Amino acid sequence: MPEAKVVAFKWERGKGYYPGDKVGHLDKKWECKKKHQGDWITEPQAGLYWDSYWKPIN
């Protein structure tokens, strides 16, 4: 039986994100907590309200 493939996404401005989506950004990994569209306010670790939308993962 083949192994499940892990798909990594790079965070992008303007892209829609949903809870459970996992992205890489600023040399870290993040999991989406709330549905939103990526912009300067929601950018992981850099945006004004990023911690409302993302949580760091290992």
PDB file of N, CA and C in Angstrom:
ATOM      1  N   MET A   1       0.843  -1.176   0.000  1.00  0.00           N
ATOM      2  CA  MET A   1       0.000   0.000   0.000  1.00  0.00           C
ATOM      3  C   MET A   1       0.894   1.246   0.000  1.00  0.00           C
ATOM      4  N   PRO A   2       0.664   2.192  -0.906  1.00  0.00           N
ATOM      5  CA  PRO A   2       1.515   3.392  -0.959  1.00  0.00           C
ATOM      6  C   PRO A   2       1.295   4.292   0.251  1.00  0.00           C
ATOM      7  N   GLU A   3       2.358   5.001   0.632  1.00  0.00           N
ATOM      8  CA  GLU A   3       2.274   5.927   1.761  1.00  0.00           C
ATOM      9  C   GLU A   3       1.491   7.176   1.358  1.00  0.00           C
ATOM     10  N   ALA A   4       0.872   7.804   2.324  1.00  0.00           N
ATOM     11  CA  ALA A   4       0.181   9.068   2.062  1.00  0.00           C
ATOM     12  C   ALA A   4       1.224  10.137   1.766  1.00  0.00           C
ATOM     13  N   LYS A   5       0.982  10.929   0.746  1.00  0.00           N
ATOM     14  CA  LYS A   5       1.921  11.986   0.390  1.00  0.00           C
ATOM     15  C   LYS A   5       1.584  13.256   1.160  1.00  0.00           C
ATOM     16  N   VAL A   6       2.610  13.912   1.641  1.00  0.00           N
ATOM     17  CA  VAL A   6       2.427  15.171   2.356  1.00  0.00           C
ATOM     18  C   VAL A   6       2.599  16.294   1.345  1.00  0.00           C
ATOM     19  N   VAL A   7       1.619  17.155   1.255  1.00  0.00           N
ATOM     20  CA  VAL A   7       1.683  18.278   0.328  1.00  0.00           C
ATOM     21  C   VAL A   7       1.943  19.542   1.130  1.00  0.00           C
ATOM     22  N   ALA A   8       3.002  20.234   0.802  1.00  0.00           N
ATOM     23  CA  ALA A   8       3.341  21.479   1.503  1.00  0.00           C
ATOM     24  C   ALA A   8       3.007  22.654   0.596  1.00  0.00           C
ATOM     25  N   PHE A   9       2.389  23.646   1.154  1.00  0.00           N
ATOM     26  CA  PHE A   9       2.051  24.849   0.410  1.00  0.00           C
ATOM     27  C   PHE A   9       2.854  26.013   0.950  1.00  0.00           C
ATOM     28  N   LYS A  10       3.237  26.901   0.073  1.00  0.00           N
ATOM     29  CA  LYS A  10       3.900  28.128   0.481  1.00  0.00           C
ATOM     30  C   LYS A  10       2.812  29.185   0.650  1.00  0.00           C
ATOM     31  N   TRP A  11       2.875  29.959   1.727  1.00  0.00           N
ATOM     32  CA  TRP A  11       1.880  31.001   1.950  1.00  0.00           C
ATOM     33  C   TRP A  11       1.915  31.994   0.801  1.00  0.00           C
ATOM     34  N   GLU A  12       0.732  32.401   0.336  1.00  0.00           N
ATOM     35  CA  GLU A  12       0.629  33.360  -0.763  1.00  0.00           C
ATOM     36  C   GLU A  12      -0.397  34.432  -0.432  1.00  0.00           C
ATOM     37  N   ARG A  13      -0.057  35.661  -0.755  1.00  0.00           N
ATOM     38  CA  ARG A  13      -0.995  36.778  -0.605  1.00  0.00           C
ATOM     39  C   ARG A  13      -2.120  36.606  -1.626  1.00  0.00           C
ATOM     40  N   GLY A  14      -3.367  36.797  -1.207  1.00  0.00           N
ATOM     41  CA  GLY A  14      -4.507  36.696  -2.108  1.00  0.00           C
ATOM     42  C   GLY A  14      -5.136  35.316  -2.195  1.00  0.00           C
ATOM     43  N   LYS A  15      -4.496  34.308  -1.623  1.00  0.00           N
ATOM     44  CA  LYS A  15      -5.026  32.944  -1.667  1.00  0.00           C
ATOM     45  C   LYS A  15      -5.994  32.726  -0.505  1.00  0.00           C
ATOM     46  N   GLY A  16      -7.026  31.907  -0.730  1.00  0.00           N
ATOM     47  CA  GLY A  16      -7.974  31.577   0.328  1.00  0.00           C
ATOM     48  C   GLY A  16      -7.465  30.426   1.174  1.00  0.00           C
ATOM     49  N   TYR A  17      -7.626  30.513   2.485  1.00  0.00           N
ATOM     50  CA  TYR A  17      -7.181  29.472   3.413  1.00  0.00           C
ATOM     51  C   TYR A  17      -8.344  29.017   4.283  1.00  0.00           C
ATOM     52  N   TYR A  18      -8.331  27.739   4.626  1.00  0.00           N
ATOM     53  CA  TYR A  18      -9.390  27.120   5.417  1.00  0.00           C
ATOM     54  C   TYR A  18      -8.786  26.427   6.629  1.00  0.00           C
ATOM     55  N   PRO A  19      -9.566  26.276   7.711  1.00  0.00           N
ATOM     56  CA  PRO A  19      -9.049  25.599   8.903  1.00  0.00           C
ATOM     57  C   PRO A  19      -8.439  24.240   8.556  1.00  0.00           C
ATOM     58  N   GLY A  20      -7.252  24.001   9.089  1.00  0.00           N
ATOM     59  CA  GLY A  20      -6.539  22.758   8.826  1.00  0.00           C
ATOM     60  C   GLY A  20      -5.513  22.858   7.717  1.00  0.00           C
ATOM     61  N   ASP A  21      -5.582  23.903   6.872  1.00  0.00           N
ATOM     62  CA  ASP A  21      -4.566  24.093   5.831  1.00  0.00           C
ATOM     63  C   ASP A  21      -3.217  24.313   6.499  1.00  0.00           C
ATOM     64  N   LYS A  22      -2.184  23.714   5.923  1.00  0.00           N
ATOM     65  CA  LYS A  22      -0.832  23.856   6.461  1.00  0.00           C
ATOM     66  C   LYS A  22       0.052  24.504   5.412  1.00  0.00           C
ATOM     67  N   VAL A  23       0.816  25.503   5.836  1.00  0.00           N
ATOM     68  CA  VAL A  23       1.680  26.236   4.919  1.00  0.00           C
ATOM     69  C   VAL A  23       3.063  26.423   5.527  1.00  0.00           C
ATOM     70  N   GLY A  24       4.017  26.708   4.664  1.00  0.00           N
ATOM     71  CA  GLY A  24       5.351  27.098   5.082  1.00  0.00           C
ATOM     72  C   GLY A  24       5.530  28.579   4.791  1.00  0.00           C
ATOM     73  N   HIS A  25       6.112  29.304   5.751  1.00  0.00           N
ATOM     74  CA  HIS A  25       6.346  30.738   5.565  1.00  0.00           C
ATOM     75  C   HIS A  25       7.363  31.203   6.596  1.00  0.00           C
ATOM     76  N   LEU A  26       8.317  32.002   6.157  1.00  0.00           N
ATOM     77  CA  LEU A  26       9.372  32.531   7.028  1.00  0.00           C
ATOM     78  C   LEU A  26      10.111  31.408   7.757  1.00  0.00           C
ATOM     79  N   ASP A  27      10.437  30.351   7.028  1.00  0.00           N
ATOM     80  CA  ASP A  27      11.183  29.193   7.545  1.00  0.00           C
ATOM     81  C   ASP A  27      10.483  28.474   8.690  1.00  0.00           C
ATOM     82  N   LYS A  28       9.166  28.579   8.775  1.00  0.00           N
ATOM     83  CA  LYS A  28       8.384  27.872   9.786  1.00  0.00           C
ATOM     84  C   LYS A  28       7.164  27.253   9.127  1.00  0.00           C
ATOM     85  N   LYS A  29       6.467  26.381   9.879  1.00  0.00           N
ATOM     86  CA  LYS A  29       5.242  25.756   9.390  1.00  0.00           C
ATOM     87  C   LYS A  29       4.073  26.273  10.217  1.00  0.00           C
ATOM     88  N   TRP A  30       2.940  26.471   9.542  1.00  0.00           N
ATOM     89  CA  TRP A  30       1.766  27.060  10.174  1.00  0.00           C
ATOM     90  C   TRP A  30       0.517  26.278   9.802  1.00  0.00           C
ATOM     91  N   GLU A  31      -0.458  26.245  10.715  1.00  0.00           N
ATOM     92  CA  GLU A  31      -1.758  25.631  10.439  1.00  0.00           C
ATOM     93  C   GLU A  31      -2.836  26.701  10.595  1.00  0.00           C
ATOM     94  N   CYS A  32      -3.733  26.754   9.611  1.00  0.00           N
ATOM     95  CA  CYS A  32      -4.816  27.737   9.618  1.00  0.00           C
ATOM     96  C   CYS A  32      -5.833  27.410  10.708  1.00  0.00           C
ATOM     97  N   LYS A  33      -6.260  28.440  11.454  1.00  0.00           N
ATOM     98  CA  LYS A  33      -7.259  28.271  12.509  1.00  0.00           C
ATOM     99  C   LYS A  33      -8.639  28.771  12.081  1.00  0.00           C
ATOM    100  N   LYS A  34      -8.695  29.696  11.107  1.00  0.00           N
ATOM    101  CA  LYS A  34      -9.956  30.337  10.730  1.00  0.00           C
ATOM    102  C   LYS A  34      -9.933  30.667   9.234  1.00  0.00           C
ATOM    103  N   LYS A  35     -11.071  30.467   8.552  1.00  0.00           N
ATOM    104  CA  LYS A  35     -11.173  30.760   7.121  1.00  0.00           C
ATOM    105  C   LYS A  35     -10.850  32.233   6.865  1.00  0.00           C
ATOM    106  N   HIS A  36      -9.991  32.483   5.860  1.00  0.00           N
ATOM    107  CA  HIS A  36      -9.623  33.852   5.518  1.00  0.00           C
ATOM    108  C   HIS A  36      -8.904  33.893   4.178  1.00  0.00           C
ATOM    109  N   GLN A  37      -8.663  35.100   3.701  1.00  0.00           N
ATOM    110  CA  GLN A  37      -7.869  35.313   2.498  1.00  0.00           C
ATOM    111  C   GLN A  37      -6.541  35.915   2.931  1.00  0.00           C
ATOM    112  N   GLY A  38      -5.451  35.381   2.385  1.00  0.00           N
ATOM    113  CA  GLY A  38      -4.123  35.853   2.763  1.00  0.00           C
ATOM    114  C   GLY A  38      -3.885  37.295   2.336  1.00  0.00           C
ATOM    115  N   ASP A  39      -3.496  38.134   3.267  1.00  0.00           N
ATOM    116  CA  ASP A  39      -3.127  39.514   2.968  1.00  0.00           C
ATOM    117  C   ASP A  39      -2.124  39.995   4.018  1.00  0.00           C
ATOM    118  N   TRP A  40      -1.763  41.264   3.972  1.00  0.00           N
ATOM    119  CA  TRP A  40      -0.726  41.762   4.871  1.00  0.00           C
ATOM    120  C   TRP A  40      -1.147  41.680   6.333  1.00  0.00           C
ATOM    121  N   ILE A  41      -2.442  41.665   6.616  1.00  0.00           N
ATOM    122  CA  ILE A  41      -2.914  41.587   8.004  1.00  0.00           C
ATOM    123  C   ILE A  41      -2.826  40.164   8.549  1.00  0.00           C
ATOM    124  N   THR A  42      -3.012  39.150   7.678  1.00  0.00           N
ATOM    125  CA  THR A  42      -3.060  37.755   8.132  1.00  0.00           C
ATOM    126  C   THR A  42      -1.779  36.976   7.827  1.00  0.00           C
ATOM    127  N   GLU A  43      -0.749  37.639   7.316  1.00  0.00           N
ATOM    128  CA  GLU A  43       0.508  36.951   6.988  1.00  0.00           C
ATOM    129  C   GLU A  43       1.104  36.333   8.253  1.00  0.00           C
ATOM    130  N   PRO A  44       1.399  35.008   8.221  1.00  0.00           N
ATOM    131  CA  PRO A  44       1.927  34.339   9.418  1.00  0.00           C
ATOM    132  C   PRO A  44       3.153  35.041   9.994  1.00  0.00           C
ATOM    133  N   GLN A  45       3.126  35.303  11.258  1.00  0.00           N
ATOM    134  CA  GLN A  45       4.184  35.906  12.072  1.00  0.00           C
ATOM    135  C   GLN A  45       4.475  37.364  11.736  1.00  0.00           C
ATOM    136  N   ALA A  46       3.986  37.879  10.633  1.00  0.00           N
ATOM    137  CA  ALA A  46       4.304  39.245  10.241  1.00  0.00           C
ATOM    138  C   ALA A  46       3.091  40.173  10.230  1.00  0.00           C
ATOM    139  N   GLY A  47       1.916  39.638   9.962  1.00  0.00           N
ATOM    140  CA  GLY A  47       0.712  40.456   9.857  1.00  0.00           C
ATOM    141  C   GLY A  47       0.223  40.960  11.207  1.00  0.00           C
ATOM    142  N   LEU A  48      -0.577  41.998  11.157  1.00  0.00           N
ATOM    143  CA  LEU A  48      -1.096  42.633  12.364  1.00  0.00           C
ATOM    144  C   LEU A  48      -1.919  41.671  13.222  1.00  0.00           C
ATOM    145  N   TYR A  49      -2.744  40.820  12.590  1.00  0.00           N
ATOM    146  CA  TYR A  49      -3.613  39.894  13.326  1.00  0.00           C
ATOM    147  C   TYR A  49      -3.297  38.436  13.012  1.00  0.00           C
ATOM    148  N   TRP A  50      -2.058  38.115  12.692  1.00  0.00           N
ATOM    149  CA  TRP A  50      -1.713  36.766  12.239  1.00  0.00           C
ATOM    150  C   TRP A  50      -2.078  35.693  13.249  1.00  0.00           C
ATOM    151  N   ASP A  51      -1.938  35.973  14.549  1.00  0.00           N
ATOM    152  CA  ASP A  51      -2.177  34.935  15.560  1.00  0.00           C
ATOM    153  C   ASP A  51      -3.655  34.568  15.704  1.00  0.00           C
ATOM    154  N   SER A  52      -4.551  35.352  15.125  1.00  0.00           N
ATOM    155  CA  SER A  52      -5.967  34.981  15.096  1.00  0.00           C
ATOM    156  C   SER A  52      -6.249  33.950  14.004  1.00  0.00           C
ATOM    157  N   TYR A  53      -5.345  33.848  13.028  1.00  0.00           N
ATOM    158  CA  TYR A  53      -5.577  33.002  11.865  1.00  0.00           C
ATOM    159  C   TYR A  53      -4.636  31.807  11.753  1.00  0.00           C
ATOM    160  N   TRP A  54      -3.481  31.856  12.404  1.00  0.00           N
ATOM    161  CA  TRP A  54      -2.466  30.806  12.254  1.00  0.00           C
ATOM    162  C   TRP A  54      -1.938  30.339  13.598  1.00  0.00           C
ATOM    163  N   LYS A  55      -1.562  29.059  13.659  1.00  0.00           N
ATOM    164  CA  LYS A  55      -0.837  28.560  14.827  1.00  0.00           C
ATOM    165  C   LYS A  55       0.406  27.835  14.318  1.00  0.00           C
ATOM    166  N   PRO A  56       1.537  27.999  14.991  1.00  0.00           N
ATOM    167  CA  PRO A  56       2.768  27.324  14.567  1.00  0.00           C
ATOM    168  C   PRO A  56       2.665  25.822  14.803  1.00  0.00           C
ATOM    169  N   ILE A  57       3.239  25.042  13.897  1.00  0.00           N
ATOM    170  CA  ILE A  57       3.292  23.588  14.044  1.00  0.00           C
ATOM    171  C   ILE A  57       4.721  23.128  13.821  1.00  0.00           C
ATOM    172  N   ASN A  58       5.019  21.912  14.243  1.00  0.00           N
ATOM    173  CA  ASN A  58       6.374  21.365  14.070  1.00  0.00           C
ATOM    174  C   ASN A  58       6.544  20.763  12.714  1.00  0.00           C
TER     175      ASN A  58
END
